[in-house]
Amino acid sequence: MEFYLAKTLNDTSFETALDKVTSALKDQGFGVITEIDVKDTLKKKIDVDFRKYKILGACNPALAHQALESNDKIGIMLPCNVVVQETPEGKIEVSTVNPMEAMKPVATPELEKFAGDVTQHLQSVLDVL
């Protein structure tokens, strides 16, 4: 199993994809609490040109609370990162962490259930794009 879930979008712009992803996350109970513009950051910090690439930090407060109650160190794994990028071929790809794989090192029955729930929510986000 891969450490990520992904979907390639056809016939959509980068900005439209960002809007769709944000809306789909909201529909699944997630808010975007951080947004890193990798292209701008790399240009500013090391003067490198890079393709459009944003990392969204998505958090579902109810699920995060459940995980933190189960293991107070799980915050290291939060929030769920969702990447929207323009591929070298000019397509738009949306990818997200696969919680089932990410949580394996700290797996307990409670966290496995949590990871399964989050995976379903994130897969639902990709499915509607």
N, C-alpha and C. Protein backbone atom coordinates (compact mmCIF):
# COMPACT_ATOMS: atom_id res chain seq x y z
N MET A 1 0.84 -1.18 0.00
CA MET A 1 0.00 0.00 0.00
C MET A 1 0.89 1.25 0.00
N GLU A 2 0.48 2.27 -0.71
CA GLU A 2 1.24 3.51 -0.81
C GLU A 2 1.02 4.39 0.43
N PHE A 3 1.94 5.30 0.68
CA PHE A 3 1.82 6.23 1.80
C PHE A 3 0.92 7.41 1.46
N TYR A 4 0.39 7.41 0.24
CA TYR A 4 -0.47 8.51 -0.20
C TYR A 4 -1.65 7.98 -1.01
N LEU A 5 -2.66 8.82 -1.14
CA LEU A 5 -3.80 8.60 -2.02
C LEU A 5 -3.73 9.72 -3.05
N ALA A 6 -4.06 9.45 -4.31
CA ALA A 6 -3.91 10.50 -5.32
C ALA A 6 -4.94 10.38 -6.42
N LYS A 7 -5.18 11.52 -7.06
CA LYS A 7 -6.06 11.57 -8.21
C LYS A 7 -5.56 12.66 -9.16
N THR A 8 -5.53 12.34 -10.44
CA THR A 8 -5.16 13.31 -11.46
C THR A 8 -6.45 13.90 -12.04
N LEU A 9 -6.49 15.22 -12.12
CA LEU A 9 -7.66 15.91 -12.65
C LEU A 9 -7.37 16.36 -14.08
N ASN A 10 -8.32 16.14 -14.95
CA ASN A 10 -8.18 16.57 -16.34
C ASN A 10 -9.05 17.78 -16.59
N ASP A 11 -8.60 18.62 -17.50
CA ASP A 11 -9.39 19.78 -17.93
C ASP A 11 -9.80 20.70 -16.79
N THR A 12 -8.88 20.99 -15.90
CA THR A 12 -9.15 21.94 -14.82
C THR A 12 -7.89 22.75 -14.55
N SER A 13 -8.07 23.96 -14.11
CA SER A 13 -6.92 24.81 -13.78
C SER A 13 -6.46 24.52 -12.35
N PHE A 14 -5.27 24.97 -12.05
CA PHE A 14 -4.72 24.81 -10.72
C PHE A 14 -5.61 25.50 -9.69
N GLU A 15 -6.01 26.74 -9.99
CA GLU A 15 -6.84 27.51 -9.06
C GLU A 15 -8.21 26.87 -8.85
N THR A 16 -8.80 26.36 -9.92
CA THR A 16 -10.09 25.67 -9.81
C THR A 16 -9.94 24.41 -8.96
N ALA A 17 -8.85 23.69 -9.16
CA ALA A 17 -8.60 22.48 -8.37
C ALA A 17 -8.48 22.83 -6.89
N LEU A 18 -7.76 23.91 -6.57
CA LEU A 18 -7.64 24.33 -5.17
C LEU A 18 -9.00 24.61 -4.56
N ASP A 19 -9.84 25.32 -5.31
CA ASP A 19 -11.19 25.63 -4.82
C ASP A 19 -12.01 24.36 -4.60
N LYS A 20 -11.93 23.43 -5.56
CA LYS A 20 -12.68 22.17 -5.44
C LYS A 20 -12.20 21.35 -4.24
N VAL A 21 -10.90 21.30 -4.06
CA VAL A 21 -10.33 20.54 -2.94
C VAL A 21 -10.77 21.14 -1.61
N THR A 22 -10.67 22.46 -1.49
CA THR A 22 -11.06 23.13 -0.25
C THR A 22 -12.54 22.89 0.05
N SER A 23 -13.37 22.96 -0.97
CA SER A 23 -14.81 22.73 -0.80
C SER A 23 -15.09 21.27 -0.41
N ALA A 24 -14.42 20.34 -1.07
CA ALA A 24 -14.62 18.92 -0.76
C ALA A 24 -14.14 18.59 0.65
N LEU A 25 -13.04 19.21 1.07
CA LEU A 25 -12.56 19.01 2.44
C LEU A 25 -13.60 19.52 3.44
N LYS A 26 -14.15 20.69 3.16
CA LYS A 26 -15.17 21.27 4.04
C LYS A 26 -16.37 20.34 4.15
N ASP A 27 -16.78 19.77 3.02
CA ASP A 27 -17.92 18.85 3.03
C ASP A 27 -17.66 17.61 3.88
N GLN A 28 -16.39 17.27 4.08
CA GLN A 28 -16.02 16.12 4.90
C GLN A 28 -15.64 16.52 6.32
N GLY A 29 -15.88 17.79 6.67
CA GLY A 29 -15.64 18.24 8.04
C GLY A 29 -14.23 18.76 8.31
N PHE A 30 -13.45 18.95 7.26
CA PHE A 30 -12.09 19.45 7.40
C PHE A 30 -12.02 20.94 7.09
N GLY A 31 -11.18 21.63 7.83
CA GLY A 31 -10.84 23.00 7.50
C GLY A 31 -9.38 23.05 7.11
N VAL A 32 -9.04 24.00 6.25
CA VAL A 32 -7.64 24.18 5.87
C VAL A 32 -7.03 25.16 6.86
N ILE A 33 -6.11 24.68 7.69
CA ILE A 33 -5.54 25.53 8.74
C ILE A 33 -4.16 26.06 8.38
N THR A 34 -3.52 25.44 7.38
CA THR A 34 -2.26 25.97 6.86
C THR A 34 -2.25 25.82 5.35
N GLU A 35 -1.51 26.69 4.70
CA GLU A 35 -1.34 26.60 3.25
C GLU A 35 0.08 27.04 2.93
N ILE A 36 0.85 26.14 2.35
CA ILE A 36 2.22 26.44 1.98
C ILE A 36 2.31 26.48 0.46
N ASP A 37 2.72 27.62 -0.06
CA ASP A 37 2.94 27.76 -1.50
C ASP A 37 4.40 27.42 -1.75
N VAL A 38 4.65 26.20 -2.15
CA VAL A 38 6.02 25.71 -2.33
C VAL A 38 6.73 26.48 -3.44
N LYS A 39 6.03 26.76 -4.52
CA LYS A 39 6.62 27.51 -5.63
C LYS A 39 7.16 28.86 -5.15
N ASP A 40 6.32 29.63 -4.46
CA ASP A 40 6.74 30.94 -3.96
C ASP A 40 7.85 30.84 -2.92
N THR A 41 7.72 29.87 -2.03
CA THR A 41 8.72 29.71 -0.97
C THR A 41 10.09 29.37 -1.54
N LEU A 42 10.15 28.45 -2.49
CA LEU A 42 11.43 28.09 -3.09
C LEU A 42 12.04 29.26 -3.85
N LYS A 43 11.19 30.04 -4.51
CA LYS A 43 11.70 31.21 -5.24
C LYS A 43 12.29 32.23 -4.27
N LYS A 44 11.57 32.51 -3.20
CA LYS A 44 12.02 33.51 -2.23
C LYS A 44 13.26 33.06 -1.46
N LYS A 45 13.28 31.80 -1.05
CA LYS A 45 14.35 31.33 -0.17
C LYS A 45 15.64 30.93 -0.89
N ILE A 46 15.50 30.28 -2.04
CA ILE A 46 16.71 29.79 -2.71
C ILE A 46 16.74 30.13 -4.21
N ASP A 47 15.85 31.01 -4.63
CA ASP A 47 15.80 31.49 -6.02
C ASP A 47 15.73 30.34 -7.03
N VAL A 48 14.85 29.38 -6.75
CA VAL A 48 14.62 28.25 -7.64
C VAL A 48 13.22 28.37 -8.22
N ASP A 49 13.12 28.15 -9.53
CA ASP A 49 11.80 28.11 -10.16
C ASP A 49 11.24 26.70 -10.02
N PHE A 50 9.98 26.63 -9.62
CA PHE A 50 9.32 25.34 -9.40
C PHE A 50 7.90 25.45 -9.91
N ARG A 51 7.32 24.33 -10.22
CA ARG A 51 5.94 24.31 -10.72
C ARG A 51 4.96 24.69 -9.62
N LYS A 52 3.70 24.90 -9.98
CA LYS A 52 2.66 25.21 -9.00
C LYS A 52 2.50 24.01 -8.07
N TYR A 53 2.62 24.26 -6.78
CA TYR A 53 2.61 23.17 -5.80
C TYR A 53 2.23 23.77 -4.45
N LYS A 54 1.07 23.39 -3.94
CA LYS A 54 0.63 23.88 -2.63
C LYS A 54 0.36 22.70 -1.70
N ILE A 55 0.74 22.90 -0.45
CA ILE A 55 0.48 21.91 0.59
C ILE A 55 -0.56 22.51 1.53
N LEU A 56 -1.71 21.86 1.61
CA LEU A 56 -2.78 22.30 2.49
C LEU A 56 -2.76 21.43 3.75
N GLY A 57 -2.76 22.07 4.89
CA GLY A 57 -2.87 21.35 6.16
C GLY A 57 -4.33 21.28 6.54
N ALA A 58 -4.93 20.10 6.41
CA ALA A 58 -6.36 19.93 6.64
C ALA A 58 -6.61 19.27 7.99
N CYS A 59 -7.58 19.82 8.71
CA CYS A 59 -7.89 19.29 10.04
C CYS A 59 -9.40 19.13 10.21
N ASN A 60 -9.78 17.95 10.67
CA ASN A 60 -11.16 17.69 11.07
C ASN A 60 -11.12 17.70 12.60
N PRO A 61 -11.62 18.77 13.24
CA PRO A 61 -11.47 18.91 14.69
C PRO A 61 -11.98 17.71 15.49
N ALA A 62 -13.11 17.15 15.10
CA ALA A 62 -13.67 16.03 15.86
C ALA A 62 -12.75 14.81 15.78
N LEU A 63 -12.24 14.54 14.58
CA LEU A 63 -11.34 13.39 14.43
C LEU A 63 -10.00 13.65 15.10
N ALA A 64 -9.50 14.88 15.02
CA ALA A 64 -8.24 15.21 15.69
C ALA A 64 -8.38 15.04 17.20
N HIS A 65 -9.49 15.48 17.74
CA HIS A 65 -9.72 15.33 19.18
C HIS A 65 -9.73 13.86 19.57
N GLN A 66 -10.42 13.06 18.79
CA GLN A 66 -10.48 11.61 19.04
C GLN A 66 -9.07 11.01 19.05
N ALA A 67 -8.26 11.38 18.09
CA ALA A 67 -6.90 10.84 18.01
C ALA A 67 -6.05 11.31 19.19
N LEU A 68 -6.15 12.58 19.55
CA LEU A 68 -5.36 13.12 20.66
C LEU A 68 -5.76 12.51 21.99
N GLU A 69 -7.03 12.17 22.15
CA GLU A 69 -7.48 11.50 23.36
C GLU A 69 -6.88 10.09 23.44
N SER A 70 -6.66 9.48 22.29
CA SER A 70 -6.11 8.13 22.25
C SER A 70 -4.60 8.12 22.49
N ASN A 71 -3.91 9.15 21.96
CA ASN A 71 -2.46 9.21 22.09
C ASN A 71 -2.04 10.67 22.00
N ASP A 72 -1.54 11.22 23.09
CA ASP A 72 -1.24 12.65 23.11
C ASP A 72 -0.05 13.05 22.23
N LYS A 73 0.70 12.10 21.73
CA LYS A 73 1.82 12.40 20.83
C LYS A 73 1.40 12.39 19.36
N ILE A 74 0.16 12.03 19.09
CA ILE A 74 -0.30 11.90 17.71
C ILE A 74 -0.32 13.24 16.98
N GLY A 75 -0.25 14.33 17.74
CA GLY A 75 -0.18 15.64 17.11
C GLY A 75 0.99 15.78 16.16
N ILE A 76 2.01 14.96 16.33
CA ILE A 76 3.14 14.94 15.42
C ILE A 76 2.68 14.61 14.01
N MET A 77 1.61 13.83 13.90
CA MET A 77 1.11 13.38 12.60
C MET A 77 0.03 14.30 12.03
N LEU A 78 -0.32 15.34 12.74
CA LEU A 78 -1.40 16.23 12.33
C LEU A 78 -0.84 17.56 11.84
N PRO A 79 -1.51 18.29 10.99
CA PRO A 79 -2.76 17.96 10.31
C PRO A 79 -2.51 17.01 9.13
N CYS A 80 -3.57 16.64 8.45
CA CYS A 80 -3.45 15.82 7.25
C CYS A 80 -2.99 16.71 6.10
N ASN A 81 -1.90 16.36 5.47
CA ASN A 81 -1.43 17.15 4.34
C ASN A 81 -2.12 16.72 3.06
N VAL A 82 -2.56 17.72 2.31
CA VAL A 82 -3.15 17.52 1.00
C VAL A 82 -2.34 18.37 0.03
N VAL A 83 -1.83 17.75 -1.02
CA VAL A 83 -1.01 18.46 -2.00
C VAL A 83 -1.80 18.64 -3.29
N VAL A 84 -1.77 19.87 -3.79
CA VAL A 84 -2.30 20.17 -5.12
C VAL A 84 -1.10 20.64 -5.92
N GLN A 85 -0.83 19.93 -7.02
CA GLN A 85 0.34 20.30 -7.82
C GLN A 85 0.05 20.19 -9.31
N GLU A 86 0.80 21.01 -10.04
CA GLU A 86 0.79 20.90 -11.49
C GLU A 86 1.94 19.98 -11.86
N THR A 87 1.65 18.88 -12.51
CA THR A 87 2.69 17.92 -12.87
C THR A 87 3.55 18.48 -14.00
N PRO A 88 4.72 17.90 -14.21
CA PRO A 88 5.56 18.35 -15.34
C PRO A 88 4.83 18.25 -16.69
N GLU A 89 3.84 17.37 -16.77
CA GLU A 89 3.06 17.23 -18.01
C GLU A 89 1.94 18.26 -18.11
N GLY A 90 1.79 19.10 -17.08
CA GLY A 90 0.77 20.15 -17.11
C GLY A 90 -0.58 19.72 -16.56
N LYS A 91 -0.67 18.52 -16.03
CA LYS A 91 -1.93 18.07 -15.41
C LYS A 91 -1.95 18.49 -13.95
N ILE A 92 -3.12 18.43 -13.36
CA ILE A 92 -3.26 18.76 -11.94
C ILE A 92 -3.44 17.46 -11.17
N GLU A 93 -2.62 17.29 -10.15
CA GLU A 93 -2.72 16.10 -9.30
C GLU A 93 -3.01 16.54 -7.87
N VAL A 94 -3.94 15.83 -7.26
CA VAL A 94 -4.26 16.05 -5.85
C VAL A 94 -3.87 14.78 -5.12
N SER A 95 -3.08 14.94 -4.08
CA SER A 95 -2.69 13.78 -3.29
C SER A 95 -2.80 14.12 -1.81
N THR A 96 -2.98 13.08 -1.04
CA THR A 96 -3.13 13.25 0.40
C THR A 96 -2.42 12.11 1.11
N VAL A 97 -2.05 12.35 2.32
CA VAL A 97 -1.46 11.30 3.13
C VAL A 97 -2.46 10.14 3.23
N ASN A 98 -1.94 8.93 3.28
CA ASN A 98 -2.77 7.76 3.53
C ASN A 98 -2.66 7.45 5.02
N PRO A 99 -3.65 7.85 5.82
CA PRO A 99 -3.55 7.66 7.27
C PRO A 99 -3.33 6.22 7.71
N MET A 100 -3.87 5.27 6.97
CA MET A 100 -3.68 3.86 7.34
C MET A 100 -2.20 3.49 7.32
N GLU A 101 -1.47 4.02 6.36
CA GLU A 101 -0.03 3.75 6.27
C GLU A 101 0.75 4.63 7.25
N ALA A 102 0.37 5.89 7.35
CA ALA A 102 1.10 6.82 8.21
C ALA A 102 1.03 6.43 9.68
N MET A 103 -0.08 5.83 10.09
CA MET A 103 -0.28 5.49 11.50
C MET A 103 0.29 4.13 11.89
N LYS A 104 0.80 3.37 10.93
CA LYS A 104 1.31 2.03 11.25
C LYS A 104 2.34 2.01 12.37
N PRO A 105 3.28 2.95 12.42
CA PRO A 105 4.27 2.89 13.50
C PRO A 105 3.68 3.05 14.91
N VAL A 106 2.52 3.66 15.02
CA VAL A 106 1.93 3.90 16.34
C VAL A 106 0.58 3.19 16.49
N ALA A 107 0.37 2.16 15.70
CA ALA A 107 -0.94 1.51 15.63
C ALA A 107 -1.37 0.92 16.97
N THR A 108 -2.56 1.31 17.36
CA THR A 108 -3.30 0.70 18.46
C THR A 108 -4.69 0.49 17.90
N PRO A 109 -5.52 -0.32 18.53
CA PRO A 109 -6.88 -0.50 18.00
C PRO A 109 -7.63 0.83 17.83
N GLU A 110 -7.47 1.74 18.79
CA GLU A 110 -8.17 3.03 18.69
C GLU A 110 -7.65 3.85 17.52
N LEU A 111 -6.32 3.88 17.36
CA LEU A 111 -5.74 4.67 16.28
C LEU A 111 -5.98 4.03 14.91
N GLU A 112 -6.06 2.71 14.87
CA GLU A 112 -6.39 2.05 13.60
C GLU A 112 -7.79 2.43 13.15
N LYS A 113 -8.73 2.50 14.09
CA LYS A 113 -10.09 2.92 13.76
C LYS A 113 -10.08 4.37 13.29
N PHE A 114 -9.37 5.22 14.01
CA PHE A 114 -9.24 6.62 13.63
C PHE A 114 -8.65 6.74 12.22
N ALA A 115 -7.56 6.03 11.97
CA ALA A 115 -6.91 6.09 10.66
C ALA A 115 -7.85 5.63 9.56
N GLY A 116 -8.62 4.59 9.84
CA GLY A 116 -9.60 4.12 8.86
C GLY A 116 -10.66 5.16 8.57
N ASP A 117 -11.15 5.81 9.61
CA ASP A 117 -12.16 6.86 9.43
C ASP A 117 -11.61 8.02 8.61
N VAL A 118 -10.41 8.47 8.94
CA VAL A 118 -9.81 9.60 8.22
C VAL A 118 -9.52 9.21 6.77
N THR A 119 -9.05 7.99 6.56
CA THR A 119 -8.79 7.53 5.20
C THR A 119 -10.07 7.57 4.37
N GLN A 120 -11.18 7.12 4.94
CA GLN A 120 -12.46 7.16 4.22
C GLN A 120 -12.85 8.60 3.87
N HIS A 121 -12.68 9.51 4.80
CA HIS A 121 -13.01 10.92 4.53
C HIS A 121 -12.13 11.49 3.42
N LEU A 122 -10.84 11.23 3.49
CA LEU A 122 -9.93 11.77 2.48
C LEU A 122 -10.16 11.13 1.12
N GLN A 123 -10.47 9.84 1.10
CA GLN A 123 -10.78 9.19 -0.17
C GLN A 123 -12.06 9.78 -0.75
N SER A 124 -13.03 10.11 0.10
CA SER A 124 -14.26 10.76 -0.36
C SER A 124 -13.97 12.11 -0.99
N VAL A 125 -13.01 12.84 -0.43
CA VAL A 125 -12.60 14.12 -1.03
C VAL A 125 -12.11 13.88 -2.45
N LEU A 126 -11.21 12.92 -2.61
CA LEU A 126 -10.68 12.64 -3.95
C LEU A 126 -11.76 12.15 -4.90
N ASP A 127 -12.68 11.36 -4.39
CA ASP A 127 -13.73 10.79 -5.24
C ASP A 127 -14.63 11.83 -5.87
N VAL A 128 -14.86 12.95 -5.19
CA VAL A 128 -15.78 13.96 -5.73
C VAL A 128 -15.09 14.96 -6.66
N LEU A 129 -13.79 14.89 -6.75
CA LEU A 129 -13.07 15.84 -7.61
C LEU A 129 -13.21 15.49 -9.08
